[in-house]
Amino acid sequence: MVATTVGGTPEVVEHGRTGLLVPPGDVDALAAAVVELLSDRERRARFGSAARALAEERFGIEGWARSLRALYEEALSTAGSTPRSGARS
């Protein structure tokens, strides 16, 4: 993947790992990145594999479940240490 560094794109495309990022409006950098990837089949395959793994980790059901579990565990571990609003002492 070749993308620009606008919006949330850098959060999804990791430069050099899952794709190439170029500055917005830099036509020369965009062209160079596209040519670079078109000429390197192995790198495209590595980027594709890394992007799939990253997407599954961040957005797949297993990754989502791990994140949710960690959130609940953190909430439960700190629940007794913080006074609740309106609780009596």
PDB file of N, CA and C in Angstrom:
ATOM      1  N   MET A   1       0.840  -1.172   0.000  1.00  0.00           N
ATOM      2  CA  MET A   1       0.000   0.000   0.000  1.00  0.00           C
ATOM      3  C   MET A   1       0.883   1.232   0.000  1.00  0.00           C
ATOM      4  N   VAL A   2       0.462   2.208  -0.735  1.00  0.00           N
ATOM      5  CA  VAL A   2       1.070   3.536  -0.707  1.00  0.00           C
ATOM      6  C   VAL A   2      -0.041   4.500  -0.331  1.00  0.00           C
ATOM      7  N   ALA A   3       0.207   5.301   0.701  1.00  0.00           N
ATOM      8  CA  ALA A   3      -0.820   6.227   1.182  1.00  0.00           C
ATOM      9  C   ALA A   3      -0.159   7.515   1.652  1.00  0.00           C
ATOM     10  N   THR A   4      -0.980   8.518   1.874  1.00  0.00           N
ATOM     11  CA  THR A   4      -0.455   9.779   2.384  1.00  0.00           C
ATOM     12  C   THR A   4      -0.655   9.861   3.891  1.00  0.00           C
ATOM     13  N   THR A   5       0.089  10.738   4.514  1.00  0.00           N
ATOM     14  CA  THR A   5       0.065  10.889   5.966  1.00  0.00           C
ATOM     15  C   THR A   5      -1.017  11.871   6.399  1.00  0.00           C
ATOM     16  N   VAL A   6      -2.244  11.595   6.016  1.00  0.00           N
ATOM     17  CA  VAL A   6      -3.363  12.458   6.402  1.00  0.00           C
ATOM     18  C   VAL A   6      -4.341  11.680   7.262  1.00  0.00           C
ATOM     19  N   GLY A   7      -5.063  12.403   8.095  1.00  0.00           N
ATOM     20  CA  GLY A   7      -6.093  11.785   8.927  1.00  0.00           C
ATOM     21  C   GLY A   7      -5.555  10.640   9.764  1.00  0.00           C
ATOM     22  N   GLY A   8      -6.305   9.572   9.826  1.00  0.00           N
ATOM     23  CA  GLY A   8      -5.926   8.417  10.627  1.00  0.00           C
ATOM     24  C   GLY A   8      -5.108   7.384   9.867  1.00  0.00           C
ATOM     25  N   THR A   9      -4.732   7.689   8.646  1.00  0.00           N
ATOM     26  CA  THR A   9      -3.987   6.720   7.835  1.00  0.00           C
ATOM     27  C   THR A   9      -2.721   6.209   8.524  1.00  0.00           C
ATOM     28  N   PRO A  10      -1.892   7.082   9.127  1.00  0.00           N
ATOM     29  CA  PRO A  10      -0.686   6.569   9.785  1.00  0.00           C
ATOM     30  C   PRO A  10      -0.970   5.630  10.959  1.00  0.00           C
ATOM     31  N   GLU A  11      -2.171   5.649  11.487  1.00  0.00           N
ATOM     32  CA  GLU A  11      -2.524   4.718  12.551  1.00  0.00           C
ATOM     33  C   GLU A  11      -2.786   3.321  12.007  1.00  0.00           C
ATOM     34  N   VAL A  12      -3.109   3.219  10.733  1.00  0.00           N
ATOM     35  CA  VAL A  12      -3.429   1.941  10.116  1.00  0.00           C
ATOM     36  C   VAL A  12      -2.289   1.442   9.231  1.00  0.00           C
ATOM     37  N   VAL A  13      -1.622   2.352   8.537  1.00  0.00           N
ATOM     38  CA  VAL A  13      -0.498   1.994   7.672  1.00  0.00           C
ATOM     39  C   VAL A  13       0.791   2.376   8.389  1.00  0.00           C
ATOM     40  N   GLU A  14       1.594   1.379   8.729  1.00  0.00           N
ATOM     41  CA  GLU A  14       2.865   1.638   9.387  1.00  0.00           C
ATOM     42  C   GLU A  14       3.954   1.682   8.319  1.00  0.00           C
ATOM     43  N   HIS A  15       4.554   2.849   8.173  1.00  0.00           N
ATOM     44  CA  HIS A  15       5.556   3.058   7.130  1.00  0.00           C
ATOM     45  C   HIS A  15       6.692   2.043   7.246  1.00  0.00           C
ATOM     46  N   GLY A  16       6.957   1.368   6.150  1.00  0.00           N
ATOM     47  CA  GLY A  16       8.038   0.404   6.104  1.00  0.00           C
ATOM     48  C   GLY A  16       7.677  -0.969   6.641  1.00  0.00           C
ATOM     49  N   ARG A  17       6.512  -1.090   7.272  1.00  0.00           N
ATOM     50  CA  ARG A  17       6.080  -2.392   7.791  1.00  0.00           C
ATOM     51  C   ARG A  17       4.858  -2.915   7.042  1.00  0.00           C
ATOM     52  N   THR A  18       3.841  -2.063   6.882  1.00  0.00           N
ATOM     53  CA  THR A  18       2.622  -2.499   6.199  1.00  0.00           C
ATOM     54  C   THR A  18       2.375  -1.715   4.915  1.00  0.00           C
ATOM     55  N   GLY A  19       3.231  -0.774   4.628  1.00  0.00           N
ATOM     56  CA  GLY A  19       3.086   0.041   3.424  1.00  0.00           C
ATOM     57  C   GLY A  19       4.062   1.196   3.440  1.00  0.00           C
ATOM     58  N   LEU A  20       3.882   2.089   2.504  1.00  0.00           N
ATOM     59  CA  LEU A  20       4.721   3.280   2.423  1.00  0.00           C
ATOM     60  C   LEU A  20       3.840   4.511   2.570  1.00  0.00           C
ATOM     61  N   LEU A  21       4.281   5.440   3.382  1.00  0.00           N
ATOM     62  CA  LEU A  21       3.562   6.698   3.573  1.00  0.00           C
ATOM     63  C   LEU A  21       4.347   7.831   2.947  1.00  0.00           C
ATOM     64  N   VAL A  22       3.633   8.719   2.289  1.00  0.00           N
ATOM     65  CA  VAL A  22       4.261   9.888   1.675  1.00  0.00           C
ATOM     66  C   VAL A  22       3.508  11.137   2.117  1.00  0.00           C
ATOM     67  N   PRO A  23       4.189  12.277   2.111  1.00  0.00           N
ATOM     68  CA  PRO A  23       3.503  13.516   2.492  1.00  0.00           C
ATOM     69  C   PRO A  23       2.402  13.868   1.492  1.00  0.00           C
ATOM     70  N   PRO A  24       1.307  14.441   1.966  1.00  0.00           N
ATOM     71  CA  PRO A  24       0.238  14.844   1.046  1.00  0.00           C
ATOM     72  C   PRO A  24       0.735  15.918   0.080  1.00  0.00           C
ATOM     73  N   GLY A  25       0.340  15.778  -1.163  1.00  0.00           N
ATOM     74  CA  GLY A  25       0.704  16.765  -2.173  1.00  0.00           C
ATOM     75  C   GLY A  25       2.077  16.572  -2.787  1.00  0.00           C
ATOM     76  N   ASP A  26       2.853  15.605  -2.311  1.00  0.00           N
ATOM     77  CA  ASP A  26       4.206  15.368  -2.843  1.00  0.00           C
ATOM     78  C   ASP A  26       4.116  14.319  -3.956  1.00  0.00           C
ATOM     79  N   VAL A  27       3.878  14.803  -5.162  1.00  0.00           N
ATOM     80  CA  VAL A  27       3.680  13.930  -6.313  1.00  0.00           C
ATOM     81  C   VAL A  27       4.917  13.090  -6.602  1.00  0.00           C
ATOM     82  N   ASP A  28       6.089  13.683  -6.441  1.00  0.00           N
ATOM     83  CA  ASP A  28       7.326  12.938  -6.710  1.00  0.00           C
ATOM     84  C   ASP A  28       7.505  11.784  -5.718  1.00  0.00           C
ATOM     85  N   ALA A  29       7.224  12.041  -4.434  1.00  0.00           N
ATOM     86  CA  ALA A  29       7.348  10.985  -3.425  1.00  0.00           C
ATOM     87  C   ALA A  29       6.326   9.882  -3.674  1.00  0.00           C
ATOM     88  N   LEU A  30       5.132  10.265  -4.073  1.00  0.00           N
ATOM     89  CA  LEU A  30       4.090   9.284  -4.381  1.00  0.00           C
ATOM     90  C   LEU A  30       4.513   8.405  -5.554  1.00  0.00           C
ATOM     91  N   ALA A  31       4.984   9.023  -6.621  1.00  0.00           N
ATOM     92  CA  ALA A  31       5.420   8.272  -7.802  1.00  0.00           C
ATOM     93  C   ALA A  31       6.582   7.343  -7.457  1.00  0.00           C
ATOM     94  N   ALA A  32       7.534   7.832  -6.677  1.00  0.00           N
ATOM     95  CA  ALA A  32       8.692   7.016  -6.304  1.00  0.00           C
ATOM     96  C   ALA A  32       8.262   5.809  -5.460  1.00  0.00           C
ATOM     97  N   ALA A  33       7.328   6.018  -4.539  1.00  0.00           N
ATOM     98  CA  ALA A  33       6.858   4.922  -3.688  1.00  0.00           C
ATOM     99  C   ALA A  33       6.113   3.875  -4.507  1.00  0.00           C
ATOM    100  N   VAL A  34       5.289   4.321  -5.432  1.00  0.00           N
ATOM    101  CA  VAL A  34       4.549   3.382  -6.285  1.00  0.00           C
ATOM    102  C   VAL A  34       5.523   2.566  -7.137  1.00  0.00           C
ATOM    103  N   VAL A  35       6.487   3.225  -7.757  1.00  0.00           N
ATOM    104  CA  VAL A  35       7.479   2.521  -8.585  1.00  0.00           C
ATOM    105  C   VAL A  35       8.278   1.543  -7.724  1.00  0.00           C
ATOM    106  N   GLU A  36       8.641   1.987  -6.519  1.00  0.00           N
ATOM    107  CA  GLU A  36       9.402   1.134  -5.606  1.00  0.00           C
ATOM    108  C   GLU A  36       8.646  -0.159  -5.298  1.00  0.00           C
ATOM    109  N   LEU A  37       7.372  -0.041  -4.980  1.00  0.00           N
ATOM    110  CA  LEU A  37       6.601  -1.246  -4.670  1.00  0.00           C
ATOM    111  C   LEU A  37       6.303  -2.092  -5.903  1.00  0.00           C
ATOM    112  N   LEU A  38       6.064  -1.455  -7.019  1.00  0.00           N
ATOM    113  CA  LEU A  38       5.805  -2.220  -8.240  1.00  0.00           C
ATOM    114  C   LEU A  38       7.012  -3.053  -8.648  1.00  0.00           C
ATOM    115  N   SER A  39       8.195  -2.598  -8.294  1.00  0.00           N
ATOM    116  CA  SER A  39       9.407  -3.309  -8.703  1.00  0.00           C
ATOM    117  C   SER A  39       9.900  -4.306  -7.656  1.00  0.00           C
ATOM    118  N   ASP A  40       9.175  -4.468  -6.552  1.00  0.00           N
ATOM    119  CA  ASP A  40       9.645  -5.356  -5.485  1.00  0.00           C
ATOM    120  C   ASP A  40       8.503  -6.254  -4.994  1.00  0.00           C
ATOM    121  N   ARG A  41       8.302  -7.352  -5.689  1.00  0.00           N
ATOM    122  CA  ARG A  41       7.213  -8.287  -5.378  1.00  0.00           C
ATOM    123  C   ARG A  41       7.339  -8.841  -3.953  1.00  0.00           C
ATOM    124  N   GLU A  42       8.554  -9.151  -3.523  1.00  0.00           N
ATOM    125  CA  GLU A  42       8.772  -9.696  -2.187  1.00  0.00           C
ATOM    126  C   GLU A  42       8.348  -8.701  -1.101  1.00  0.00           C
ATOM    127  N   ARG A  43       8.694  -7.452  -1.287  1.00  0.00           N
ATOM    128  CA  ARG A  43       8.319  -6.426  -0.306  1.00  0.00           C
ATOM    129  C   ARG A  43       6.803  -6.258  -0.254  1.00  0.00           C
ATOM    130  N   ARG A  44       6.155  -6.275  -1.423  1.00  0.00           N
ATOM    131  CA  ARG A  44       4.691  -6.190  -1.439  1.00  0.00           C
ATOM    132  C   ARG A  44       4.083  -7.335  -0.651  1.00  0.00           C
ATOM    133  N   ALA A  45       4.629  -8.525  -0.810  1.00  0.00           N
ATOM    134  CA  ALA A  45       4.111  -9.686  -0.087  1.00  0.00           C
ATOM    135  C   ALA A  45       4.321  -9.526   1.420  1.00  0.00           C
ATOM    136  N   ARG A  46       5.492  -9.040   1.826  1.00  0.00           N
ATOM    137  CA  ARG A  46       5.756  -8.816   3.257  1.00  0.00           C
ATOM    138  C   ARG A  46       4.797  -7.778   3.825  1.00  0.00           C
ATOM    139  N   PHE A  47       4.612  -6.680   3.087  1.00  0.00           N
ATOM    140  CA  PHE A  47       3.680  -5.642   3.538  1.00  0.00           C
ATOM    141  C   PHE A  47       2.269  -6.216   3.677  1.00  0.00           C
ATOM    142  N   GLY A  48       1.861  -7.013   2.707  1.00  0.00           N
ATOM    143  CA  GLY A  48       0.528  -7.596   2.745  1.00  0.00           C
ATOM    144  C   GLY A  48       0.336  -8.500   3.949  1.00  0.00           C
ATOM    145  N   SER A  49       1.316  -9.347   4.220  1.00  0.00           N
ATOM    146  CA  SER A  49       1.235 -10.248   5.370  1.00  0.00           C
ATOM    147  C   SER A  49       1.207  -9.468   6.676  1.00  0.00           C
ATOM    148  N   ALA A  50       2.071  -8.458   6.783  1.00  0.00           N
ATOM    149  CA  ALA A  50       2.124  -7.640   8.001  1.00  0.00           C
ATOM    150  C   ALA A  50       0.827  -6.856   8.184  1.00  0.00           C
ATOM    151  N   ALA A  51       0.276  -6.346   7.095  1.00  0.00           N
ATOM    152  CA  ALA A  51      -0.973  -5.583   7.175  1.00  0.00           C
ATOM    153  C   ALA A  51      -2.125  -6.480   7.621  1.00  0.00           C
ATOM    154  N   ARG A  52      -2.162  -7.691   7.104  1.00  0.00           N
ATOM    155  CA  ARG A  52      -3.229  -8.623   7.510  1.00  0.00           C
ATOM    156  C   ARG A  52      -3.115  -8.953   8.997  1.00  0.00           C
ATOM    157  N   ALA A  53      -1.885  -9.239   9.454  1.00  0.00           N
ATOM    158  CA  ALA A  53      -1.671  -9.561  10.873  1.00  0.00           C
ATOM    159  C   ALA A  53      -2.056  -8.375  11.761  1.00  0.00           C
ATOM    160  N   LEU A  54      -1.679  -7.182  11.342  1.00  0.00           N
ATOM    161  CA  LEU A  54      -2.015  -5.985  12.112  1.00  0.00           C
ATOM    162  C   LEU A  54      -3.531  -5.771  12.160  1.00  0.00           C
ATOM    163  N   ALA A  55      -4.189  -5.946  11.038  1.00  0.00           N
ATOM    164  CA  ALA A  55      -5.646  -5.775  10.987  1.00  0.00           C
ATOM    165  C   ALA A  55      -6.344  -6.806  11.862  1.00  0.00           C
ATOM    166  N   GLU A  56      -5.892  -8.046  11.831  1.00  0.00           N
ATOM    167  CA  GLU A  56      -6.498  -9.073  12.672  1.00  0.00           C
ATOM    168  C   GLU A  56      -6.269  -8.778  14.153  1.00  0.00           C
ATOM    169  N   GLU A  57      -5.064  -8.306  14.476  1.00  0.00           N
ATOM    170  CA  GLU A  57      -4.734  -7.978  15.863  1.00  0.00           C
ATOM    171  C   GLU A  57      -5.590  -6.825  16.377  1.00  0.00           C
ATOM    172  N   ARG A  58      -5.709  -5.782  15.581  1.00  0.00           N
ATOM    173  CA  ARG A  58      -6.427  -4.586  16.025  1.00  0.00           C
ATOM    174  C   ARG A  58      -7.930  -4.659  15.835  1.00  0.00           C
ATOM    175  N   PHE A  59      -8.376  -5.299  14.774  1.00  0.00           N
ATOM    176  CA  PHE A  59      -9.785  -5.226  14.410  1.00  0.00           C
ATOM    177  C   PHE A  59     -10.493  -6.575  14.373  1.00  0.00           C
ATOM    178  N   GLY A  60      -9.761  -7.672  14.492  1.00  0.00           N
ATOM    179  CA  GLY A  60     -10.363  -8.996  14.482  1.00  0.00           C
ATOM    180  C   GLY A  60     -11.034  -9.292  15.818  1.00  0.00           C
ATOM    181  N   ILE A  61     -11.894 -10.285  15.838  1.00  0.00           N
ATOM    182  CA  ILE A  61     -12.655 -10.604  17.038  1.00  0.00           C
ATOM    183  C   ILE A  61     -11.742 -11.028  18.188  1.00  0.00           C
ATOM    184  N   GLU A  62     -10.680 -11.787  17.911  1.00  0.00           N
ATOM    185  CA  GLU A  62      -9.783 -12.223  18.976  1.00  0.00           C
ATOM    186  C   GLU A  62      -9.062 -11.032  19.611  1.00  0.00           C
ATOM    187  N   GLY A  63      -8.557 -10.129  18.775  1.00  0.00           N
ATOM    188  CA  GLY A  63      -7.892  -8.942  19.293  1.00  0.00           C
ATOM    189  C   GLY A  63      -8.846  -8.053  20.072  1.00  0.00           C
ATOM    190  N   TRP A  64     -10.053  -7.924  19.560  1.00  0.00           N
ATOM    191  CA  TRP A  64     -11.067  -7.122  20.243  1.00  0.00           C
ATOM    192  C   TRP A  64     -11.383  -7.733  21.599  1.00  0.00           C
ATOM    193  N   ALA A  65     -11.529  -9.056  21.651  1.00  0.00           N
ATOM    194  CA  ALA A  65     -11.848  -9.739  22.906  1.00  0.00           C
ATOM    195  C   ALA A  65     -10.705  -9.579  23.915  1.00  0.00           C
ATOM    196  N   ARG A  66      -9.444  -9.688  23.452  1.00  0.00           N
ATOM    197  CA  ARG A  66      -8.304  -9.482  24.358  1.00  0.00           C
ATOM    198  C   ARG A  66      -8.299  -8.073  24.922  1.00  0.00           C
ATOM    199  N   SER A  67      -8.549  -7.091  24.072  1.00  0.00           N
ATOM    200  CA  SER A  67      -8.574  -5.697  24.527  1.00  0.00           C
ATOM    201  C   SER A  67      -9.689  -5.465  25.532  1.00  0.00           C
ATOM    202  N   LEU A  68     -10.862  -6.030  25.266  1.00  0.00           N
ATOM    203  CA  LEU A  68     -11.993  -5.879  26.165  1.00  0.00           C
ATOM    204  C   LEU A  68     -11.710  -6.550  27.507  1.00  0.00           C
ATOM    205  N   ARG A  69     -11.134  -7.735  27.456  1.00  0.00           N
ATOM    206  CA  ARG A  69     -10.790  -8.446  28.695  1.00  0.00           C
ATOM    207  C   ARG A  69      -9.787  -7.635  29.522  1.00  0.00           C
ATOM    208  N   ALA A  70      -8.760  -7.098  28.863  1.00  0.00           N
ATOM    209  CA  ALA A  70      -7.762  -6.287  29.567  1.00  0.00           C
ATOM    210  C   ALA A  70      -8.404  -5.056  30.190  1.00  0.00           C
ATOM    211  N   LEU A  71      -9.336  -4.452  29.493  1.00  0.00           N
ATOM    212  CA  LEU A  71     -10.042  -3.285  30.014  1.00  0.00           C
ATOM    213  C   LEU A  71     -10.845  -3.644  31.264  1.00  0.00           C
ATOM    214  N   TYR A  72     -11.577  -4.757  31.203  1.00  0.00           N
ATOM    215  CA  TYR A  72     -12.355  -5.207  32.358  1.00  0.00           C
ATOM    216  C   TYR A  72     -11.442  -5.562  33.530  1.00  0.00           C
ATOM    217  N   GLU A  73     -10.338  -6.253  33.251  1.00  0.00           N
ATOM    218  CA  GLU A  73      -9.415  -6.630  34.317  1.00  0.00           C
ATOM    219  C   GLU A  73      -8.832  -5.393  35.000  1.00  0.00           C
ATOM    220  N   GLU A  74      -8.489  -4.394  34.201  1.00  0.00           N
ATOM    221  CA  GLU A  74      -7.970  -3.152  34.766  1.00  0.00           C
ATOM    222  C   GLU A  74      -9.036  -2.461  35.610  1.00  0.00           C
ATOM    223  N   ALA A  75     -10.254  -2.423  35.111  1.00  0.00           N
ATOM    224  CA  ALA A  75     -11.342  -1.778  35.855  1.00  0.00           C
ATOM    225  C   ALA A  75     -11.603  -2.504  37.168  1.00  0.00           C
ATOM    226  N   LEU A  76     -11.583  -3.818  37.126  1.00  0.00           N
ATOM    227  CA  LEU A  76     -11.836  -4.594  38.338  1.00  0.00           C
ATOM    228  C   LEU A  76     -10.698  -4.454  39.347  1.00  0.00           C
ATOM    229  N   SER A  77      -9.479  -4.355  38.861  1.00  0.00           N
ATOM    230  CA  SER A  77      -8.344  -4.254  39.785  1.00  0.00           C
ATOM    231  C   SER A  77      -8.288  -2.896  40.470  1.00  0.00           C
ATOM    232  N   THR A  78      -8.861  -1.871  39.869  1.00  0.00           N
ATOM    233  CA  THR A  78      -8.837  -0.533  40.469  1.00  0.00           C
ATOM    234  C   THR A  78     -10.175  -0.161  41.093  1.00  0.00           C
ATOM    235  N   ALA A  79     -11.178  -1.005  40.966  1.00  0.00           N
ATOM    236  CA  ALA A  79     -12.521  -0.680  41.457  1.00  0.00           C
ATOM    237  C   ALA A  79     -12.533  -0.455  42.963  1.00  0.00           C
ATOM    238  N   GLY A  80     -11.793  -1.220  43.723  1.00  0.00           N
ATOM    239  CA  GLY A  80     -11.806  -1.077  45.162  1.00  0.00           C
ATOM    240  C   GLY A  80     -10.953   0.066  45.684  1.00  0.00           C
ATOM    241  N   SER A  81     -10.093   0.614  44.854  1.00  0.00           N
ATOM    242  CA  SER A  81      -9.173   1.648  45.319  1.00  0.00           C
ATOM    243  C   SER A  81      -9.685   3.070  45.100  1.00  0.00           C
ATOM    244  N   THR A  82     -10.781   3.214  44.378  1.00  0.00           N
ATOM    245  CA  THR A  82     -11.311   4.545  44.066  1.00  0.00           C
ATOM    246  C   THR A  82     -12.687   4.709  44.696  1.00  0.00           C
ATOM    247  N   PRO A  83     -12.874   5.768  45.490  1.00  0.00           N
ATOM    248  CA  PRO A  83     -14.204   5.971  46.066  1.00  0.00           C
ATOM    249  C   PRO A  83     -15.233   6.225  44.966  1.00  0.00           C
ATOM    250  N   ARG A  84     -16.401   5.667  45.134  1.00  0.00           N
ATOM    251  CA  ARG A  84     -17.472   5.869  44.162  1.00  0.00           C
ATOM    252  C   ARG A  84     -18.225   7.141  44.484  1.00  0.00           C
ATOM    253  N   SER A  85     -18.729   7.752  43.471  1.00  0.00           N
ATOM    254  CA  SER A  85     -19.528   8.963  43.643  1.00  0.00           C
ATOM    255  C   SER A  85     -20.781   8.623  44.419  1.00  0.00           C
ATOM    256  N   GLY A  86     -21.037   9.365  45.497  1.00  0.00           N
ATOM    257  CA  GLY A  86     -22.238   9.154  46.274  1.00  0.00           C
ATOM    258  C   GLY A  86     -22.124   8.026  47.297  1.00  0.00           C
ATOM    259  N   ALA A  87     -20.963   7.350  47.354  1.00  0.00           N
ATOM    260  CA  ALA A  87     -20.793   6.270  48.322  1.00  0.00           C
ATOM    261  C   ALA A  87     -20.565   6.837  49.708  1.00  0.00           C
ATOM    262  N   ARG A  88     -21.075   6.147  50.686  1.00  0.00           N
ATOM    263  CA  ARG A  88     -20.916   6.589  52.072  1.00  0.00           C
ATOM    264  C   ARG A  88     -19.678   5.941  52.675  1.00  0.00           C
ATOM    265  N   SER A  89     -19.002   6.672  53.534  1.00  0.00           N
ATOM    266  CA  SER A  89     -17.811   6.129  54.203  1.00  0.00           C
ATOM    267  C   SER A  89     -18.161   5.530  55.521  1.00  0.00           C
TER     268      SER A  89
END
